[in-house]
Amino acid sequence: MKRSYVTLAILICLAGCKSEPKPSTVQQRTIVQQVEDAGAGDLSRADVAGLQIWLTKHSDVARNIASQCKEAMKADTAWKNSAEGRICIAEKDAGFSN
């Protein structure tokens, strides 16, 4: 009898516990996705000079990613050679960063 009370108490405790609902956040697109979606095409092999020219012609996109790039900037070589790194370097060189 005592055992069934313990089991019942555990079940009641577990039933009362529920996980917090995940906050409804708008999934933010990455810098690379934003630039590709704006018409830049596949950026996996784009160079900084080409990206700089593209961003100069699409200043609205450059302004939209400027603050994200500022936060994303890293000093390591791997990031600088990534698509995101090349975009952010091009954006900075194009003069849209504050």
PDB file of N, CA and C in Angstrom:
ATOM      1  N   MET A   1       0.817  -1.186   0.000  1.00  0.00           N
ATOM      2  CA  MET A   1       0.000   0.000   0.000  1.00  0.00           C
ATOM      3  C   MET A   1       0.866   1.258   0.000  1.00  0.00           C
ATOM      4  N   LYS A   2       1.885   1.266   0.860  1.00  0.00           N
ATOM      5  CA  LYS A   2       2.785   2.411   0.944  1.00  0.00           C
ATOM      6  C   LYS A   2       3.505   2.632  -0.383  1.00  0.00           C
ATOM      7  N   ARG A   3       3.838   1.546  -1.038  1.00  0.00           N
ATOM      8  CA  ARG A   3       4.533   1.609  -2.314  1.00  0.00           C
ATOM      9  C   ARG A   3       3.659   2.258  -3.392  1.00  0.00           C
ATOM     10  N   SER A   4       2.387   1.959  -3.383  1.00  0.00           N
ATOM     11  CA  SER A   4       1.493   2.540  -4.383  1.00  0.00           C
ATOM     12  C   SER A   4       1.327   4.040  -4.151  1.00  0.00           C
ATOM     13  N   TYR A   5       1.360   4.497  -2.882  1.00  0.00           N
ATOM     14  CA  TYR A   5       1.294   5.933  -2.608  1.00  0.00           C
ATOM     15  C   TYR A   5       2.530   6.656  -3.145  1.00  0.00           C
ATOM     16  N   VAL A   6       3.679   6.022  -2.988  1.00  0.00           N
ATOM     17  CA  VAL A   6       4.920   6.611  -3.490  1.00  0.00           C
ATOM     18  C   VAL A   6       4.859   6.702  -5.008  1.00  0.00           C
ATOM     19  N   THR A   7       4.423   5.640  -5.651  1.00  0.00           N
ATOM     20  CA  THR A   7       4.296   5.618  -7.101  1.00  0.00           C
ATOM     21  C   THR A   7       3.303   6.677  -7.565  1.00  0.00           C
ATOM     22  N   LEU A   8       2.173   6.775  -6.857  1.00  0.00           N
ATOM     23  CA  LEU A   8       1.168   7.766  -7.197  1.00  0.00           C
ATOM     24  C   LEU A   8       1.717   9.186  -7.021  1.00  0.00           C
ATOM     25  N   ALA A   9       2.475   9.423  -5.971  1.00  0.00           N
ATOM     26  CA  ALA A   9       3.065  10.743  -5.722  1.00  0.00           C
ATOM     27  C   ALA A   9       4.055  11.100  -6.827  1.00  0.00           C
ATOM     28  N   ILE A  10       4.853  10.141  -7.241  1.00  0.00           N
ATOM     29  CA  ILE A  10       5.824  10.385  -8.324  1.00  0.00           C
ATOM     30  C   ILE A  10       5.087  10.711  -9.622  1.00  0.00           C
ATOM     31  N   LEU A  11       4.040   9.973  -9.919  1.00  0.00           N
ATOM     32  CA  LEU A  11       3.276  10.222 -11.135  1.00  0.00           C
ATOM     33  C   LEU A  11       2.621  11.606 -11.109  1.00  0.00           C
ATOM     34  N   ILE A  12       2.120  11.998  -9.967  1.00  0.00           N
ATOM     35  CA  ILE A  12       1.504  13.323  -9.846  1.00  0.00           C
ATOM     36  C   ILE A  12       2.554  14.415 -10.059  1.00  0.00           C
ATOM     37  N   CYS A  13       3.738  14.208  -9.468  1.00  0.00           N
ATOM     38  CA  CYS A  13       4.814  15.201  -9.644  1.00  0.00           C
ATOM     39  C   CYS A  13       5.223  15.311 -11.103  1.00  0.00           C
ATOM     40  N   LEU A  14       5.373  14.170 -11.754  1.00  0.00           N
ATOM     41  CA  LEU A  14       5.780  14.180 -13.160  1.00  0.00           C
ATOM     42  C   LEU A  14       4.697  14.776 -14.053  1.00  0.00           C
ATOM     43  N   ALA A  15       3.446  14.516 -13.728  1.00  0.00           N
ATOM     44  CA  ALA A  15       2.347  15.059 -14.526  1.00  0.00           C
ATOM     45  C   ALA A  15       2.271  16.575 -14.382  1.00  0.00           C
ATOM     46  N   GLY A  16       2.651  17.077 -13.227  1.00  0.00           N
ATOM     47  CA  GLY A  16       2.618  18.512 -12.996  1.00  0.00           C
ATOM     48  C   GLY A  16       3.760  19.254 -13.662  1.00  0.00           C
ATOM     49  N   CYS A  17       4.788  18.514 -14.033  1.00  0.00           N
ATOM     50  CA  CYS A  17       5.943  19.141 -14.672  1.00  0.00           C
ATOM     51  C   CYS A  17       5.728  19.169 -16.177  1.00  0.00           C
ATOM     52  N   LYS A  18       5.956  20.317 -16.740  1.00  0.00           N
ATOM     53  CA  LYS A  18       5.925  20.387 -18.195  1.00  0.00           C
ATOM     54  C   LYS A  18       6.999  21.350 -18.633  1.00  0.00           C
ATOM     55  N   SER A  19       7.513  21.107 -19.785  1.00  0.00           N
ATOM     56  CA  SER A  19       8.603  21.945 -20.270  1.00  0.00           C
ATOM     57  C   SER A  19       8.064  23.298 -20.694  1.00  0.00           C
ATOM     58  N   GLU A  20       8.934  24.275 -20.605  1.00  0.00           N
ATOM     59  CA  GLU A  20       8.577  25.622 -21.031  1.00  0.00           C
ATOM     60  C   GLU A  20       8.371  25.617 -22.536  1.00  0.00           C
ATOM     61  N   PRO A  21       7.357  26.296 -23.005  1.00  0.00           N
ATOM     62  CA  PRO A  21       7.197  26.368 -24.457  1.00  0.00           C
ATOM     63  C   PRO A  21       8.331  27.185 -25.055  1.00  0.00           C
ATOM     64  N   LYS A  22       8.733  26.770 -26.220  1.00  0.00           N
ATOM     65  CA  LYS A  22       9.795  27.495 -26.902  1.00  0.00           C
ATOM     66  C   LYS A  22       9.271  28.865 -27.315  1.00  0.00           C
ATOM     67  N   PRO A  23      10.066  29.889 -27.069  1.00  0.00           N
ATOM     68  CA  PRO A  23       9.593  31.221 -27.462  1.00  0.00           C
ATOM     69  C   PRO A  23       9.417  31.301 -28.969  1.00  0.00           C
ATOM     70  N   SER A  24       8.387  31.989 -29.362  1.00  0.00           N
ATOM     71  CA  SER A  24       8.141  32.109 -30.800  1.00  0.00           C
ATOM     72  C   SER A  24       9.043  33.212 -31.350  1.00  0.00           C
ATOM     73  N   THR A  25      10.143  32.778 -31.880  1.00  0.00           N
ATOM     74  CA  THR A  25      11.079  33.733 -32.460  1.00  0.00           C
ATOM     75  C   THR A  25      11.085  33.554 -33.958  1.00  0.00           C
ATOM     76  N   VAL A  26      11.270  34.620 -34.630  1.00  0.00           N
ATOM     77  CA  VAL A  26      11.392  34.566 -36.073  1.00  0.00           C
ATOM     78  C   VAL A  26      12.790  34.042 -36.364  1.00  0.00           C
ATOM     79  N   GLN A  27      12.855  32.975 -37.108  1.00  0.00           N
ATOM     80  CA  GLN A  27      14.164  32.418 -37.428  1.00  0.00           C
ATOM     81  C   GLN A  27      14.911  33.408 -38.311  1.00  0.00           C
ATOM     82  N   GLN A  28      16.049  33.812 -37.810  1.00  0.00           N
ATOM     83  CA  GLN A  28      16.819  34.808 -38.532  1.00  0.00           C
ATOM     84  C   GLN A  28      17.677  34.125 -39.598  1.00  0.00           C
ATOM     85  N   ARG A  29      17.618  34.661 -40.772  1.00  0.00           N
ATOM     86  CA  ARG A  29      18.423  34.118 -41.859  1.00  0.00           C
ATOM     87  C   ARG A  29      19.861  34.548 -41.653  1.00  0.00           C
ATOM     88  N   THR A  30      20.763  33.709 -42.066  1.00  0.00           N
ATOM     89  CA  THR A  30      22.177  34.046 -41.945  1.00  0.00           C
ATOM     90  C   THR A  30      22.542  35.123 -42.949  1.00  0.00           C
ATOM     91  N   ILE A  31      23.689  35.705 -42.739  1.00  0.00           N
ATOM     92  CA  ILE A  31      24.194  36.737 -43.643  1.00  0.00           C
ATOM     93  C   ILE A  31      24.290  36.181 -45.061  1.00  0.00           C
ATOM     94  N   VAL A  32      24.830  34.984 -45.187  1.00  0.00           N
ATOM     95  CA  VAL A  32      24.988  34.356 -46.501  1.00  0.00           C
ATOM     96  C   VAL A  32      23.622  34.155 -47.151  1.00  0.00           C
ATOM     97  N   GLN A  33      22.646  33.650 -46.386  1.00  0.00           N
ATOM     98  CA  GLN A  33      21.310  33.431 -46.943  1.00  0.00           C
ATOM     99  C   GLN A  33      20.683  34.738 -47.416  1.00  0.00           C
ATOM    100  N   GLN A  34      20.854  35.796 -46.634  1.00  0.00           N
ATOM    101  CA  GLN A  34      20.268  37.084 -47.009  1.00  0.00           C
ATOM    102  C   GLN A  34      20.838  37.586 -48.329  1.00  0.00           C
ATOM    103  N   VAL A  35      22.141  37.476 -48.502  1.00  0.00           N
ATOM    104  CA  VAL A  35      22.781  37.974 -49.718  1.00  0.00           C
ATOM    105  C   VAL A  35      22.417  37.084 -50.907  1.00  0.00           C
ATOM    106  N   GLU A  36      22.415  35.770 -50.694  1.00  0.00           N
ATOM    107  CA  GLU A  36      22.020  34.867 -51.782  1.00  0.00           C
ATOM    108  C   GLU A  36      20.567  35.100 -52.184  1.00  0.00           C
ATOM    109  N   ASP A  37      19.691  35.263 -51.186  1.00  0.00           N
ATOM    110  CA  ASP A  37      18.270  35.490 -51.480  1.00  0.00           C
ATOM    111  C   ASP A  37      18.035  36.817 -52.193  1.00  0.00           C
ATOM    112  N   ALA A  38      18.940  37.766 -51.989  1.00  0.00           N
ATOM    113  CA  ALA A  38      18.812  39.075 -52.644  1.00  0.00           C
ATOM    114  C   ALA A  38      19.264  39.027 -54.096  1.00  0.00           C
ATOM    115  N   GLY A  39      19.767  37.874 -54.541  1.00  0.00           N
ATOM    116  CA  GLY A  39      20.112  37.730 -55.948  1.00  0.00           C
ATOM    117  C   GLY A  39      21.582  37.560 -56.259  1.00  0.00           C
ATOM    118  N   ALA A  40      22.407  37.406 -55.241  1.00  0.00           N
ATOM    119  CA  ALA A  40      23.842  37.273 -55.493  1.00  0.00           C
ATOM    120  C   ALA A  40      24.225  35.890 -56.010  1.00  0.00           C
ATOM    121  N   GLY A  41      23.333  34.935 -55.902  1.00  0.00           N
ATOM    122  CA  GLY A  41      23.645  33.584 -56.363  1.00  0.00           C
ATOM    123  C   GLY A  41      24.432  32.802 -55.329  1.00  0.00           C
ATOM    124  N   ASP A  42      25.072  31.735 -55.761  1.00  0.00           N
ATOM    125  CA  ASP A  42      25.855  30.872 -54.876  1.00  0.00           C
ATOM    126  C   ASP A  42      27.140  31.592 -54.475  1.00  0.00           C
ATOM    127  N   LEU A  43      27.323  31.788 -53.188  1.00  0.00           N
ATOM    128  CA  LEU A  43      28.479  32.548 -52.702  1.00  0.00           C
ATOM    129  C   LEU A  43      29.617  31.672 -52.205  1.00  0.00           C
ATOM    130  N   SER A  44      29.517  30.384 -52.407  1.00  0.00           N
ATOM    131  CA  SER A  44      30.540  29.493 -51.870  1.00  0.00           C
ATOM    132  C   SER A  44      31.926  29.753 -52.465  1.00  0.00           C
ATOM    133  N   ARG A  45      31.983  30.302 -53.673  1.00  0.00           N
ATOM    134  CA  ARG A  45      33.282  30.564 -54.304  1.00  0.00           C
ATOM    135  C   ARG A  45      33.496  32.028 -54.677  1.00  0.00           C
ATOM    136  N   ALA A  46      32.613  32.880 -54.226  1.00  0.00           N
ATOM    137  CA  ALA A  46      32.731  34.305 -54.575  1.00  0.00           C
ATOM    138  C   ALA A  46      33.928  34.922 -53.870  1.00  0.00           C
ATOM    139  N   ASP A  47      34.596  35.831 -54.557  1.00  0.00           N
ATOM    140  CA  ASP A  47      35.744  36.511 -53.943  1.00  0.00           C
ATOM    141  C   ASP A  47      35.308  37.861 -53.381  1.00  0.00           C
ATOM    142  N   VAL A  48      36.153  38.419 -52.521  1.00  0.00           N
ATOM    143  CA  VAL A  48      35.840  39.678 -51.839  1.00  0.00           C
ATOM    144  C   VAL A  48      35.618  40.807 -52.834  1.00  0.00           C
ATOM    145  N   ALA A  49      36.464  40.908 -53.860  1.00  0.00           N
ATOM    146  CA  ALA A  49      36.333  41.998 -54.837  1.00  0.00           C
ATOM    147  C   ALA A  49      34.991  41.928 -55.557  1.00  0.00           C
ATOM    148  N   GLY A  50      34.598  40.752 -55.978  1.00  0.00           N
ATOM    149  CA  GLY A  50      33.308  40.588 -56.647  1.00  0.00           C
ATOM    150  C   GLY A  50      32.150  40.893 -55.718  1.00  0.00           C
ATOM    151  N   LEU A  51      32.262  40.459 -54.471  1.00  0.00           N
ATOM    152  CA  LEU A  51      31.219  40.751 -53.490  1.00  0.00           C
ATOM    153  C   LEU A  51      31.126  42.241 -53.198  1.00  0.00           C
ATOM    154  N   GLN A  52      32.259  42.901 -53.151  1.00  0.00           N
ATOM    155  CA  GLN A  52      32.275  44.336 -52.905  1.00  0.00           C
ATOM    156  C   GLN A  52      31.544  45.086 -54.024  1.00  0.00           C
ATOM    157  N   ILE A  53      31.805  44.694 -55.258  1.00  0.00           N
ATOM    158  CA  ILE A  53      31.119  45.309 -56.401  1.00  0.00           C
ATOM    159  C   ILE A  53      29.616  45.051 -56.312  1.00  0.00           C
ATOM    160  N   TRP A  54      29.245  43.808 -55.996  1.00  0.00           N
ATOM    161  CA  TRP A  54      27.828  43.462 -55.904  1.00  0.00           C
ATOM    162  C   TRP A  54      27.162  44.262 -54.791  1.00  0.00           C
ATOM    163  N   LEU A  55      27.796  44.344 -53.631  1.00  0.00           N
ATOM    164  CA  LEU A  55      27.215  45.081 -52.503  1.00  0.00           C
ATOM    165  C   LEU A  55      27.112  46.579 -52.787  1.00  0.00           C
ATOM    166  N   THR A  56      28.051  47.121 -53.539  1.00  0.00           N
ATOM    167  CA  THR A  56      27.979  48.531 -53.913  1.00  0.00           C
ATOM    168  C   THR A  56      26.747  48.785 -54.779  1.00  0.00           C
ATOM    169  N   LYS A  57      26.447  47.847 -55.659  1.00  0.00           N
ATOM    170  CA  LYS A  57      25.274  47.973 -56.522  1.00  0.00           C
ATOM    171  C   LYS A  57      23.970  47.674 -55.781  1.00  0.00           C
ATOM    172  N   HIS A  58      24.069  46.971 -54.651  1.00  0.00           N
ATOM    173  CA  HIS A  58      22.893  46.598 -53.857  1.00  0.00           C
ATOM    174  C   HIS A  58      23.071  47.133 -52.437  1.00  0.00           C
ATOM    175  N   SER A  59      23.116  48.449 -52.338  1.00  0.00           N
ATOM    176  CA  SER A  59      23.423  49.100 -51.063  1.00  0.00           C
ATOM    177  C   SER A  59      22.392  48.797 -49.976  1.00  0.00           C
ATOM    178  N   ASP A  60      21.143  48.530 -50.368  1.00  0.00           N
ATOM    179  CA  ASP A  60      20.128  48.188 -49.370  1.00  0.00           C
ATOM    180  C   ASP A  60      20.484  46.888 -48.656  1.00  0.00           C
ATOM    181  N   VAL A  61      20.987  45.925 -49.395  1.00  0.00           N
ATOM    182  CA  VAL A  61      21.410  44.649 -48.803  1.00  0.00           C
ATOM    183  C   VAL A  61      22.620  44.886 -47.901  1.00  0.00           C
ATOM    184  N   ALA A  62      23.566  45.677 -48.388  1.00  0.00           N
ATOM    185  CA  ALA A  62      24.774  45.969 -47.600  1.00  0.00           C
ATOM    186  C   ALA A  62      24.411  46.632 -46.277  1.00  0.00           C
ATOM    187  N   ARG A  63      23.483  47.564 -46.319  1.00  0.00           N
ATOM    188  CA  ARG A  63      23.066  48.243 -45.081  1.00  0.00           C
ATOM    189  C   ARG A  63      22.362  47.272 -44.138  1.00  0.00           C
ATOM    190  N   ASN A  64      21.587  46.356 -44.697  1.00  0.00           N
ATOM    191  CA  ASN A  64      20.864  45.385 -43.872  1.00  0.00           C
ATOM    192  C   ASN A  64      21.803  44.431 -43.143  1.00  0.00           C
ATOM    193  N   ILE A  65      22.911  44.082 -43.744  1.00  0.00           N
ATOM    194  CA  ILE A  65      23.818  43.114 -43.119  1.00  0.00           C
ATOM    195  C   ILE A  65      24.941  43.776 -42.332  1.00  0.00           C
ATOM    196  N   ALA A  66      25.070  45.097 -42.423  1.00  0.00           N
ATOM    197  CA  ALA A  66      26.202  45.795 -41.790  1.00  0.00           C
ATOM    198  C   ALA A  66      26.306  45.519 -40.297  1.00  0.00           C
ATOM    199  N   SER A  67      25.194  45.633 -39.570  1.00  0.00           N
ATOM    200  CA  SER A  67      25.254  45.418 -38.117  1.00  0.00           C
ATOM    201  C   SER A  67      25.518  43.957 -37.787  1.00  0.00           C
ATOM    202  N   GLN A  68      24.968  43.043 -38.598  1.00  0.00           N
ATOM    203  CA  GLN A  68      25.216  41.618 -38.366  1.00  0.00           C
ATOM    204  C   GLN A  68      26.679  41.287 -38.606  1.00  0.00           C
ATOM    205  N   CYS A  69      27.247  41.884 -39.629  1.00  0.00           N
ATOM    206  CA  CYS A  69      28.663  41.649 -39.922  1.00  0.00           C
ATOM    207  C   CYS A  69      29.542  42.190 -38.800  1.00  0.00           C
ATOM    208  N   LYS A  70      29.171  43.331 -38.282  1.00  0.00           N
ATOM    209  CA  LYS A  70      29.956  43.928 -37.202  1.00  0.00           C
ATOM    210  C   LYS A  70      30.013  42.975 -36.005  1.00  0.00           C
ATOM    211  N   GLU A  71      28.891  42.331 -35.703  1.00  0.00           N
ATOM    212  CA  GLU A  71      28.828  41.373 -34.603  1.00  0.00           C
ATOM    213  C   GLU A  71      29.542  40.068 -34.952  1.00  0.00           C
ATOM    214  N   ALA A  72      29.516  39.684 -36.219  1.00  0.00           N
ATOM    215  CA  ALA A  72      30.070  38.400 -36.635  1.00  0.00           C
ATOM    216  C   ALA A  72      31.572  38.421 -36.869  1.00  0.00           C
ATOM    217  N   MET A  73      32.158  39.605 -37.014  1.00  0.00           N
ATOM    218  CA  MET A  73      33.586  39.725 -37.347  1.00  0.00           C
ATOM    219  C   MET A  73      34.459  38.920 -36.386  1.00  0.00           C
ATOM    220  N   LYS A  74      35.298  38.128 -36.952  1.00  0.00           N
ATOM    221  CA  LYS A  74      36.255  37.332 -36.187  1.00  0.00           C
ATOM    222  C   LYS A  74      37.624  37.525 -36.808  1.00  0.00           C
ATOM    223  N   ALA A  75      38.629  37.365 -35.998  1.00  0.00           N
ATOM    224  CA  ALA A  75      39.990  37.582 -36.482  1.00  0.00           C
ATOM    225  C   ALA A  75      40.601  36.319 -37.088  1.00  0.00           C
ATOM    226  N   ASP A  76      39.983  35.173 -36.882  1.00  0.00           N
ATOM    227  CA  ASP A  76      40.636  33.946 -37.340  1.00  0.00           C
ATOM    228  C   ASP A  76      40.568  33.759 -38.853  1.00  0.00           C
ATOM    229  N   THR A  77      41.542  33.101 -39.369  1.00  0.00           N
ATOM    230  CA  THR A  77      41.688  32.903 -40.810  1.00  0.00           C
ATOM    231  C   THR A  77      40.549  32.081 -41.391  1.00  0.00           C
ATOM    232  N   ALA A  78      40.089  31.093 -40.649  1.00  0.00           N
ATOM    233  CA  ALA A  78      39.013  30.238 -41.162  1.00  0.00           C
ATOM    234  C   ALA A  78      37.753  31.061 -41.443  1.00  0.00           C
ATOM    235  N   TRP A  79      37.414  31.973 -40.536  1.00  0.00           N
ATOM    236  CA  TRP A  79      36.223  32.794 -40.747  1.00  0.00           C
ATOM    237  C   TRP A  79      36.429  33.732 -41.930  1.00  0.00           C
ATOM    238  N   LYS A  80      37.604  34.337 -42.028  1.00  0.00           N
ATOM    239  CA  LYS A  80      37.872  35.269 -43.124  1.00  0.00           C
ATOM    240  C   LYS A  80      37.762  34.589 -44.484  1.00  0.00           C
ATOM    241  N   ASN A  81      38.035  33.299 -44.535  1.00  0.00           N
ATOM    242  CA  ASN A  81      37.961  32.554 -45.793  1.00  0.00           C
ATOM    243  C   ASN A  81      36.584  31.931 -46.033  1.00  0.00           C
ATOM    244  N   SER A  82      35.686  32.057 -45.052  1.00  0.00           N
ATOM    245  CA  SER A  82      34.340  31.510 -45.231  1.00  0.00           C
ATOM    246  C   SER A  82      33.515  32.470 -46.076  1.00  0.00           C
ATOM    247  N   ALA A  83      32.381  31.989 -46.574  1.00  0.00           N
ATOM    248  CA  ALA A  83      31.499  32.857 -47.370  1.00  0.00           C
ATOM    249  C   ALA A  83      31.044  34.049 -46.532  1.00  0.00           C
ATOM    250  N   GLU A  84      30.695  33.798 -45.271  1.00  0.00           N
ATOM    251  CA  GLU A  84      30.269  34.908 -44.408  1.00  0.00           C
ATOM    252  C   GLU A  84      31.399  35.907 -44.209  1.00  0.00           C
ATOM    253  N   GLY A  85      32.583  35.420 -43.980  1.00  0.00           N
ATOM    254  CA  GLY A  85      33.726  36.303 -43.784  1.00  0.00           C
ATOM    255  C   GLY A  85      34.015  37.156 -45.004  1.00  0.00           C
ATOM    256  N   ARG A  86      33.982  36.544 -46.186  1.00  0.00           N
ATOM    257  CA  ARG A  86      34.227  37.305 -47.415  1.00  0.00           C
ATOM    258  C   ARG A  86      33.160  38.369 -47.637  1.00  0.00           C
ATOM    259  N   ILE A  87      31.894  38.028 -47.336  1.00  0.00           N
ATOM    260  CA  ILE A  87      30.811  39.005 -47.481  1.00  0.00           C
ATOM    261  C   ILE A  87      31.039  40.175 -46.538  1.00  0.00           C
ATOM    262  N   CYS A  88      31.358  39.875 -45.288  1.00  0.00           N
ATOM    263  CA  CYS A  88      31.520  40.941 -44.290  1.00  0.00           C
ATOM    264  C   CYS A  88      32.744  41.808 -44.578  1.00  0.00           C
ATOM    265  N   ILE A  89      33.803  41.200 -45.057  1.00  0.00           N
ATOM    266  CA  ILE A  89      34.981  41.988 -45.438  1.00  0.00           C
ATOM    267  C   ILE A  89      34.631  42.896 -46.611  1.00  0.00           C
ATOM    268  N   ALA A  90      33.909  42.358 -47.588  1.00  0.00           N
ATOM    269  CA  ALA A  90      33.490  43.159 -48.744  1.00  0.00           C
ATOM    270  C   ALA A  90      32.557  44.288 -48.308  1.00  0.00           C
ATOM    271  N   GLU A  91      31.651  43.986 -47.401  1.00  0.00           N
ATOM    272  CA  GLU A  91      30.713  45.000 -46.910  1.00  0.00           C
ATOM    273  C   GLU A  91      31.467  46.107 -46.202  1.00  0.00           C
ATOM    274  N   LYS A  92      32.447  45.739 -45.403  1.00  0.00           N
ATOM    275  CA  LYS A  92      33.252  46.750 -44.688  1.00  0.00           C
ATOM    276  C   LYS A  92      34.048  47.587 -45.675  1.00  0.00           C
ATOM    277  N   ASP A  93      34.658  46.936 -46.648  1.00  0.00           N
ATOM    278  CA  ASP A  93      35.456  47.644 -47.650  1.00  0.00           C
ATOM    279  C   ASP A  93      34.593  48.549 -48.533  1.00  0.00           C
ATOM    280  N   ALA A  94      33.346  48.167 -48.718  1.00  0.00           N
ATOM    281  CA  ALA A  94      32.442  48.976 -49.544  1.00  0.00           C
ATOM    282  C   ALA A  94      31.982  50.231 -48.789  1.00  0.00           C
ATOM    283  N   GLY A  95      32.243  50.272 -47.488  1.00  0.00           N
ATOM    284  CA  GLY A  95      31.972  51.472 -46.705  1.00  0.00           C
ATOM    285  C   GLY A  95      30.583  51.599 -46.145  1.00  0.00           C
ATOM    286  N   PHE A  96      29.872  50.485 -45.948  1.00  0.00           N
ATOM    287  CA  PHE A  96      28.510  50.563 -45.401  1.00  0.00           C
ATOM    288  C   PHE A  96      28.468  50.377 -43.903  1.00  0.00           C
ATOM    289  N   SER A  97      29.572  49.977 -43.290  1.00  0.00           N
ATOM    290  CA  SER A  97      29.622  49.830 -41.835  1.00  0.00           C
ATOM    291  C   SER A  97      29.719  51.204 -41.197  1.00  0.00           C
ATOM    292  N   ASN A  98      29.132  51.285 -40.032  1.00  0.00           N
ATOM    293  CA  ASN A  98      29.192  52.562 -39.288  1.00  0.00           C
ATOM    294  C   ASN A  98      30.438  52.629 -38.456  1.00  0.00           C
TER     295      ASN A  98
END
